[in-house]
Amino acid sequence: MAKPIHVLHIIDKLTMDGVNPSSPAILLKDWIPHLKKNGIESSVLSLKPFDPAGDWLKNQGVEVNLLGHGKFSWKNVAGIKKVIETVGAQIIHLHGYSSANFGRIAARQCGIKCIVHEHAVLPILPHQFLADLFLRHHTDAAVAVSGNVRNFMIRGRWIPHEKIRVIGNGIRVADYQKKDQSYIIEKRKEIGIPEGHHVVGTVARLRKEKGVEFVIRSIPAVVEVCSNVMFVIVGEGELRAHLENLAKTLQVSTHVVFLGFRADVPALLSLCDVNVIPSLTEGFPLSLVEAMAAGNAIVASDVGGMREIAKHGETLLFVPPQDPKQLSESILHLLTDIDVATRLSQAAQQHSVRFDIDSSTDSLSKLYEDLVGDSSSSN
């Protein structure tokens, strides 16, 4: 039996806001056991000294190492090299700017392969643009989560196009299947949804780029036509107080429930009649695939990687970003036209199987095997 390939995932931080696990952290939790079935051993290294999501990952059985030198400290190179030697990594898989910068240097000094993985289209920062220019020849391979992100990596990060593979994110689709009706009734009672009310759900970090403000601004027009509706906001973040105050100002607080960070997102999605994904920008939105797998009718912003996952009028309804009027009209359309909502939700659920975790981990496993093969042939 071939010796397992050991991959060290290095990430700047495991949460975006000190509370919610980041999308890469959630992916690592799902990737690692599936990669193990393919003969890939995995460890995780965070450049932050402490991160709540680090404990969360450890509780999932993931090996997590922590540094703490700061994202601009050259001590990160020595720290990364030490962990590489300790775990016996043959490949380092880099998530985040600082990880990509120090990781590529450490990989060259250790004589192992590295992968730069980009999860989003980001602002092009002058200092990072120069760092990526300097390190472009020290990049063995790269992963983009969508074609949109691939274009950004070529244009904004100096990654040669031939080194980039587009590997979309994946979820454990089976985890998101609708719960039975008795469970849904009890769960709705638990979170305070009045009997006979529709539920419109949004799962997102409460940050500006997630666009949750525009969901709140859409509520007055929705409740004017359909008063028996509750909006459920799942997620935590720096804008929570602002959003709660906005709901009060718009006099719709009685129609909104803020649940904060929840570990039971798959179950909560079962409660929804409609899911809204109002992002201003996206690389590959896990929340969209999750809502599709749950068999919900979906309204989403027509941005970024959204377009590569779903099609307007076939699996969801797209609306322009930052447009509460269009958002409210589309929500009402799905709440009042059951035939359209059913057709879209069924098509979305059928389409979601393409994004099962096995697909992405099989692609990653192939990439790791190719890189290790390249190493062997060059020795």
Protein backbone atom coordinates (compact mmCIF):
# COMPACT_ATOMS: atom_id res chain seq x y z
CA MET A 1 0.00 0.00 0.00
CA ALA A 2 1.36 3.44 -0.95
CA LYS A 3 2.41 5.72 1.87
CA PRO A 4 -0.26 8.40 2.54
CA ILE A 5 0.41 11.91 1.26
CA HIS A 6 0.53 14.40 4.16
CA VAL A 7 -0.83 17.88 3.42
CA LEU A 8 -0.48 20.84 5.78
CA HIS A 9 -3.22 23.45 5.32
CA ILE A 10 -2.02 26.88 6.40
CA ILE A 11 -4.60 29.60 6.94
CA ASP A 12 -4.30 33.19 8.17
CA LYS A 13 -7.19 32.81 10.61
CA LEU A 14 -10.01 30.35 11.08
CA THR A 15 -12.72 32.94 11.75
CA MET A 16 -13.58 36.12 9.88
CA ASP A 17 -14.98 37.96 12.88
CA GLY A 18 -13.78 36.13 15.99
CA VAL A 19 -17.01 34.11 16.19
CA ASN A 20 -18.07 32.41 12.96
CA PRO A 21 -15.83 29.77 11.39
CA SER A 22 -14.70 31.03 7.99
CA SER A 23 -15.69 29.26 4.78
CA PRO A 24 -12.19 27.69 4.49
CA ALA A 25 -12.48 26.41 8.08
CA ILE A 26 -15.87 24.84 7.34
CA LEU A 27 -14.42 23.29 4.19
CA LEU A 28 -11.47 21.85 6.10
CA LYS A 29 -13.86 20.23 8.57
CA ASP A 30 -15.62 18.46 5.69
CA TRP A 31 -12.62 17.89 3.43
CA ILE A 32 -10.29 16.20 5.86
CA PRO A 33 -12.23 12.97 6.62
CA HIS A 34 -13.08 12.57 2.93
CA LEU A 35 -9.47 13.14 1.88
CA LYS A 36 -8.38 10.52 4.39
CA LYS A 37 -10.48 7.95 2.52
CA ASN A 38 -8.39 8.82 -0.55
CA GLY A 39 -5.10 8.26 1.30
CA ILE A 40 -4.47 11.93 2.15
CA GLU A 41 -3.45 12.80 5.72
CA SER A 42 -4.09 16.40 6.77
CA SER A 43 -3.04 18.89 9.43
CA VAL A 44 -4.03 22.53 9.90
CA LEU A 45 -1.86 25.50 10.92
CA SER A 46 -3.37 28.89 11.77
CA LEU A 47 -1.12 31.94 11.91
CA LYS A 48 -3.21 33.34 14.78
CA PRO A 49 -2.31 32.40 18.37
CA PHE A 50 -5.90 31.62 19.38
CA ASP A 51 -9.02 31.22 17.33
CA PRO A 52 -12.43 29.90 18.51
CA ALA A 53 -12.75 28.00 15.26
CA GLY A 54 -9.49 26.24 16.12
CA ASP A 55 -11.19 24.65 19.12
CA TRP A 56 -14.22 23.94 16.93
CA LEU A 57 -12.03 22.09 14.42
CA LYS A 58 -10.22 20.19 17.18
CA ASN A 59 -13.60 19.02 18.47
CA GLN A 60 -14.22 17.64 14.96
CA GLY A 61 -11.05 15.54 15.30
CA VAL A 62 -8.82 17.79 13.16
CA GLU A 63 -5.17 18.32 14.11
CA VAL A 64 -4.73 22.08 14.56
CA ASN A 65 -1.44 23.92 15.17
CA LEU A 66 -1.28 27.59 16.12
CA LEU A 67 1.42 30.23 15.62
CA GLY A 68 1.09 33.78 16.89
CA HIS A 69 3.77 35.98 15.42
CA GLY A 70 1.43 38.39 13.61
CA LYS A 71 0.60 38.37 9.93
CA PHE A 72 3.60 40.50 8.91
CA SER A 73 6.29 38.82 11.04
CA TRP A 74 9.15 37.00 9.32
CA LYS A 75 9.11 34.59 12.28
CA ASN A 76 6.21 32.92 10.45
CA VAL A 77 8.66 31.33 8.00
CA ALA A 78 10.59 29.56 10.76
CA GLY A 79 7.34 28.63 12.51
CA ILE A 80 5.88 27.12 9.35
CA LYS A 81 9.09 25.19 8.64
CA LYS A 82 9.03 23.73 12.14
CA VAL A 83 5.43 22.49 11.73
CA ILE A 84 6.24 21.09 8.26
CA GLU A 85 9.03 19.02 9.82
CA THR A 86 6.94 17.99 12.82
CA VAL A 87 3.98 16.65 10.82
CA GLY A 88 6.06 15.40 7.89
CA ALA A 89 4.17 17.46 5.30
CA GLN A 90 4.93 16.82 1.63
CA ILE A 91 2.66 19.60 0.40
CA ILE A 92 1.48 22.84 1.98
CA HIS A 93 -1.93 24.14 0.92
CA LEU A 94 -2.18 27.89 1.49
CA HIS A 95 -5.36 29.85 2.30
CA GLY A 96 -5.02 33.62 2.75
CA TYR A 97 -2.52 36.31 1.81
CA SER A 98 -0.07 35.97 4.71
CA SER A 99 -0.13 32.18 4.52
CA ALA A 100 0.58 32.36 0.79
CA ASN A 101 3.46 34.79 1.28
CA PHE A 102 5.32 33.09 4.12
CA GLY A 103 4.20 29.61 3.10
CA ARG A 104 5.70 29.81 -0.38
CA ILE A 105 9.04 30.91 1.08
CA ALA A 106 8.97 28.12 3.68
CA ALA A 107 8.07 25.54 1.03
CA ARG A 108 11.07 26.49 -1.09
CA GLN A 109 13.40 26.34 1.89
CA CYS A 110 12.03 22.89 2.84
CA GLY A 111 12.06 21.63 -0.75
CA ILE A 112 8.36 20.71 -0.85
CA LYS A 113 5.42 21.70 -3.06
CA CYS A 114 2.90 24.43 -2.34
CA ILE A 115 -0.62 25.31 -3.50
CA VAL A 116 -2.16 28.79 -3.34
CA HIS A 117 -5.94 28.52 -2.85
CA GLU A 118 -8.13 31.56 -3.46
CA HIS A 119 -11.70 31.61 -2.13
CA ALA A 120 -12.86 35.08 -3.23
CA VAL A 121 -12.35 38.06 -5.50
CA LEU A 122 -10.58 40.58 -3.30
CA PRO A 123 -9.45 44.19 -3.60
CA ILE A 124 -5.98 44.34 -5.19
CA LEU A 125 -3.71 45.72 -2.47
CA PRO A 126 -0.45 47.35 -3.67
CA HIS A 127 1.84 45.56 -1.19
CA GLN A 128 0.21 42.19 -1.89
CA PHE A 129 0.37 42.78 -5.63
CA LEU A 130 4.15 43.20 -5.28
CA ALA A 131 4.46 40.17 -2.98
CA ASP A 132 2.59 38.00 -5.47
CA LEU A 133 4.76 39.34 -8.32
CA PHE A 134 7.91 38.38 -6.40
CA LEU A 135 6.58 34.93 -5.44
CA ARG A 136 4.91 33.99 -8.74
CA HIS A 137 7.71 31.59 -9.68
CA HIS A 138 7.50 29.92 -6.25
CA THR A 139 3.91 28.77 -6.83
CA ASP A 140 3.69 25.11 -7.82
CA ALA A 141 -0.08 25.02 -8.27
CA ALA A 142 -3.16 27.09 -7.50
CA VAL A 143 -6.83 26.47 -6.87
CA ALA A 144 -9.66 28.88 -7.70
CA VAL A 145 -13.14 28.15 -6.39
CA SER A 146 -14.78 29.52 -9.57
CA GLY A 147 -13.95 30.83 -13.02
CA ASN A 148 -14.53 34.35 -11.71
CA VAL A 149 -11.91 33.80 -9.00
CA ARG A 150 -9.54 32.21 -11.52
CA ASN A 151 -9.62 35.42 -13.57
CA PHE A 152 -8.84 37.41 -10.43
CA MET A 153 -5.86 35.17 -9.63
CA ILE A 154 -4.42 35.73 -13.10
CA ARG A 155 -5.11 39.48 -13.15
CA GLY A 156 -4.59 40.39 -9.51
CA ARG A 157 -2.23 37.75 -8.09
CA TRP A 158 0.21 37.01 -10.93
CA ILE A 159 -0.59 33.28 -10.93
CA PRO A 160 0.19 31.73 -14.34
CA HIS A 161 -3.06 30.48 -15.88
CA GLU A 162 -1.66 27.03 -16.59
CA LYS A 163 -1.03 26.44 -12.88
CA ILE A 164 -4.63 27.12 -11.81
CA ARG A 165 -7.29 24.44 -11.42
CA VAL A 166 -10.90 25.46 -10.82
CA ILE A 167 -12.23 23.29 -8.00
CA GLY A 168 -15.59 24.36 -6.62
CA ASN A 169 -16.40 24.03 -2.96
CA GLY A 170 -18.45 21.09 -1.77
CA ILE A 171 -20.84 20.18 1.01
CA ARG A 172 -22.14 16.94 2.44
CA VAL A 173 -25.35 17.14 0.43
CA ALA A 174 -27.09 14.38 2.41
CA ASP A 175 -26.81 16.47 5.60
CA TYR A 176 -29.11 19.11 4.12
CA GLN A 177 -32.10 16.96 3.17
CA LYS A 178 -35.41 18.32 4.45
CA LYS A 179 -36.46 17.19 7.92
CA ASP A 180 -39.89 15.67 8.40
CA GLN A 181 -42.88 17.91 9.07
CA SER A 182 -43.15 17.13 12.79
CA TYR A 183 -39.52 18.21 13.30
CA ILE A 184 -40.10 21.41 11.32
CA ILE A 185 -43.17 22.29 13.41
CA GLU A 186 -41.30 21.79 16.69
CA LYS A 187 -38.21 23.68 15.53
CA ARG A 188 -40.30 26.62 14.36
CA LYS A 189 -41.95 26.78 17.79
CA GLU A 190 -38.53 26.62 19.46
CA ILE A 191 -37.27 29.76 17.69
CA GLY A 192 -40.55 31.66 18.01
CA ILE A 193 -42.16 31.36 14.59
CA PRO A 194 -45.94 31.84 14.92
CA GLU A 195 -48.09 29.03 13.55
CA GLY A 196 -49.16 29.54 9.94
CA HIS A 197 -46.31 31.93 9.11
CA HIS A 198 -44.00 31.69 6.11
CA VAL A 199 -40.27 31.66 6.86
CA VAL A 200 -37.70 33.56 4.80
CA GLY A 201 -34.19 32.63 5.87
CA THR A 202 -30.74 34.13 5.37
CA VAL A 203 -27.54 32.42 6.53
CA ALA A 204 -24.55 34.78 6.44
CA ARG A 205 -21.86 36.49 8.43
CA LEU A 206 -23.20 39.91 9.41
CA ARG A 207 -20.65 41.89 7.45
CA LYS A 208 -21.13 44.54 4.77
CA GLU A 209 -20.19 42.32 1.81
CA LYS A 210 -22.91 39.81 2.72
CA GLY A 211 -25.63 42.39 2.02
CA VAL A 212 -27.98 41.42 4.87
CA GLU A 213 -28.96 45.08 5.24
CA PHE A 214 -30.87 44.82 1.97
CA VAL A 215 -32.88 41.87 3.26
CA ILE A 216 -33.95 44.02 6.22
CA ARG A 217 -34.81 46.90 3.87
CA SER A 218 -36.96 44.56 1.76
CA ILE A 219 -39.15 43.50 4.68
CA PRO A 220 -41.63 46.44 4.81
CA ALA A 221 -42.74 45.84 1.21
CA VAL A 222 -43.06 42.10 1.83
CA VAL A 223 -45.15 42.36 5.01
CA GLU A 224 -47.41 44.98 3.40
CA VAL A 225 -48.60 42.22 1.04
CA CYS A 226 -47.94 39.11 3.12
CA SER A 227 -48.19 39.87 6.83
CA ASN A 228 -47.82 36.26 8.00
CA VAL A 229 -44.09 36.04 7.32
CA MET A 230 -41.00 35.86 9.54
CA PHE A 231 -37.45 36.59 8.43
CA VAL A 232 -34.85 34.41 10.18
CA ILE A 233 -31.26 35.71 10.12
CA VAL A 234 -28.65 33.09 11.03
CA GLY A 235 -25.12 34.35 11.64
CA GLU A 236 -23.06 36.70 13.76
CA GLY A 237 -20.86 39.66 13.00
CA GLU A 238 -19.94 43.27 13.49
CA LEU A 239 -23.17 44.60 11.92
CA ARG A 240 -25.63 42.77 14.15
CA ALA A 241 -26.52 45.78 16.34
CA HIS A 242 -26.85 47.99 13.25
CA LEU A 243 -29.18 45.50 11.57
CA GLU A 244 -31.31 45.08 14.68
CA ASN A 245 -31.61 48.88 14.97
CA LEU A 246 -32.49 49.13 11.27
CA ALA A 247 -35.31 46.63 11.78
CA LYS A 248 -36.61 48.79 14.65
CA THR A 249 -36.35 51.97 12.56
CA LEU A 250 -38.30 50.34 9.73
CA GLN A 251 -40.84 49.05 12.29
CA VAL A 252 -40.43 45.41 11.25
CA SER A 253 -38.76 43.99 14.38
CA THR A 254 -41.76 41.74 15.01
CA HIS A 255 -41.08 40.09 11.65
CA VAL A 256 -37.36 39.37 12.21
CA VAL A 257 -35.55 36.81 14.38
CA PHE A 258 -31.77 37.12 14.77
CA LEU A 259 -30.41 33.72 15.81
CA GLY A 260 -26.68 34.49 15.85
CA PHE A 261 -24.14 31.79 15.07
CA ARG A 262 -25.69 28.33 14.97
CA ALA A 263 -24.12 24.91 14.50
CA ASP A 264 -27.44 23.42 13.31
CA VAL A 265 -27.69 25.26 9.97
CA PRO A 266 -28.77 22.14 8.01
CA ALA A 267 -31.75 21.69 10.33
CA LEU A 268 -32.62 25.40 10.27
CA LEU A 269 -32.70 25.42 6.47
CA SER A 270 -35.51 22.87 6.66
CA LEU A 271 -37.71 25.52 8.28
CA CYS A 272 -37.48 27.92 5.35
CA ASP A 273 -39.95 28.45 2.56
CA VAL A 274 -37.56 30.85 0.84
CA ASN A 275 -33.82 31.42 1.23
CA VAL A 276 -32.31 34.81 0.42
CA ILE A 277 -28.61 35.19 -0.38
CA PRO A 278 -28.07 38.95 -0.79
CA SER A 279 -24.26 39.10 -1.12
CA LEU A 280 -22.51 42.02 -2.79
CA THR A 281 -19.65 39.79 -3.91
CA GLU A 282 -18.99 36.04 -3.83
CA GLY A 283 -16.33 33.55 -4.85
CA PHE A 284 -18.15 30.25 -4.40
CA PRO A 285 -21.02 30.68 -1.92
CA LEU A 286 -21.49 27.61 0.26
CA SER A 287 -24.77 29.12 1.48
CA LEU A 288 -26.22 28.88 -2.03
CA VAL A 289 -25.33 25.20 -2.44
CA GLU A 290 -26.66 24.47 1.06
CA ALA A 291 -29.99 26.14 0.29
CA MET A 292 -30.23 24.21 -2.97
CA ALA A 293 -29.52 20.90 -1.22
CA ALA A 294 -32.22 21.71 1.34
CA GLY A 295 -34.75 21.99 -1.48
CA ASN A 296 -35.67 25.60 -0.78
CA ALA A 297 -36.84 28.27 -3.20
CA ILE A 298 -34.02 30.79 -3.51
CA VAL A 299 -33.54 34.48 -4.27
CA ALA A 300 -29.89 35.49 -4.72
CA SER A 301 -27.80 38.44 -5.85
CA ASP A 302 -26.52 38.13 -9.39
CA VAL A 303 -22.83 38.39 -8.50
CA GLY A 304 -19.58 36.49 -8.87
CA GLY A 305 -19.58 32.72 -8.51
CA MET A 306 -23.37 32.63 -8.03
CA ARG A 307 -23.80 32.61 -11.80
CA GLU A 308 -21.56 29.56 -12.15
CA ILE A 309 -23.70 27.51 -9.75
CA ALA A 310 -27.30 28.31 -10.66
CA LYS A 311 -29.42 29.79 -13.45
CA HIS A 312 -32.14 32.40 -13.21
CA GLY A 313 -35.58 30.96 -13.77
CA GLU A 314 -34.30 27.38 -13.68
CA THR A 315 -32.96 26.84 -10.16
CA LEU A 316 -33.51 30.24 -8.50
CA LEU A 317 -34.39 33.89 -9.04
CA PHE A 318 -31.53 36.34 -9.43
CA VAL A 319 -31.84 40.00 -8.45
CA PRO A 320 -29.37 42.90 -8.74
CA PRO A 321 -27.27 43.39 -5.59
CA GLN A 322 -28.22 46.20 -3.20
CA ASP A 323 -31.78 46.39 -4.56
CA PRO A 324 -34.38 45.88 -1.80
CA LYS A 325 -37.27 46.63 -4.19
CA GLN A 326 -36.37 43.79 -6.56
CA LEU A 327 -35.59 41.60 -3.55
CA SER A 328 -39.02 42.12 -2.02
CA GLU A 329 -40.77 41.51 -5.35
CA SER A 330 -38.93 38.21 -5.89
CA ILE A 331 -39.56 37.05 -2.32
CA LEU A 332 -43.27 37.78 -2.74
CA HIS A 333 -43.31 36.00 -6.09
CA LEU A 334 -42.02 32.81 -4.45
CA LEU A 335 -44.28 33.12 -1.40
CA THR A 336 -47.42 33.61 -3.45
CA ASP A 337 -46.81 31.42 -6.51
CA ILE A 338 -46.43 27.92 -5.09
CA ASP A 339 -46.04 26.31 -8.52
CA VAL A 340 -43.02 28.46 -9.40
CA ALA A 341 -41.47 28.01 -5.95
CA THR A 342 -41.91 24.24 -6.13
CA ARG A 343 -40.47 23.98 -9.64
CA LEU A 344 -37.39 26.03 -8.75
CA SER A 345 -36.78 24.29 -5.42
CA GLN A 346 -37.03 20.81 -6.93
CA ALA A 347 -34.67 21.71 -9.76
CA ALA A 348 -32.22 23.28 -7.29
CA GLN A 349 -32.19 20.18 -5.12
CA GLN A 350 -31.54 17.94 -8.11
CA HIS A 351 -28.73 20.24 -9.28
CA SER A 352 -27.08 20.36 -5.84
CA VAL A 353 -25.76 16.78 -6.09
CA ARG A 354 -23.07 18.12 -8.45
CA PHE A 355 -21.55 19.92 -5.49
CA ASP A 356 -21.25 17.00 -3.10
CA ILE A 357 -18.06 17.02 -1.04
CA ASP A 358 -16.75 13.91 -2.78
CA SER A 359 -16.42 15.79 -6.07
CA SER A 360 -14.18 18.51 -4.64
CA THR A 361 -12.09 16.14 -2.52
CA ASP A 362 -11.53 13.81 -5.47
CA SER A 363 -10.24 16.78 -7.47
CA LEU A 364 -7.99 17.88 -4.60
CA SER A 365 -6.66 14.34 -4.17
CA LYS A 366 -5.76 14.23 -7.88
CA LEU A 367 -3.93 17.56 -7.54
CA TYR A 368 -1.93 16.31 -4.52
CA GLU A 369 -1.03 13.09 -6.31
CA ASP A 370 0.11 15.00 -9.38
CA LEU A 371 2.32 17.29 -7.29
CA VAL A 372 3.90 14.41 -5.35
CA GLY A 373 4.45 12.61 -8.65
CA ASP A 374 6.18 15.68 -10.03
CA SER A 375 8.40 15.77 -6.93
CA SER A 376 9.34 12.10 -7.34
CA SER A 377 10.14 12.44 -11.03
CA SER A 378 12.34 15.48 -10.42
CA ASN A 379 14.44 13.73 -7.77
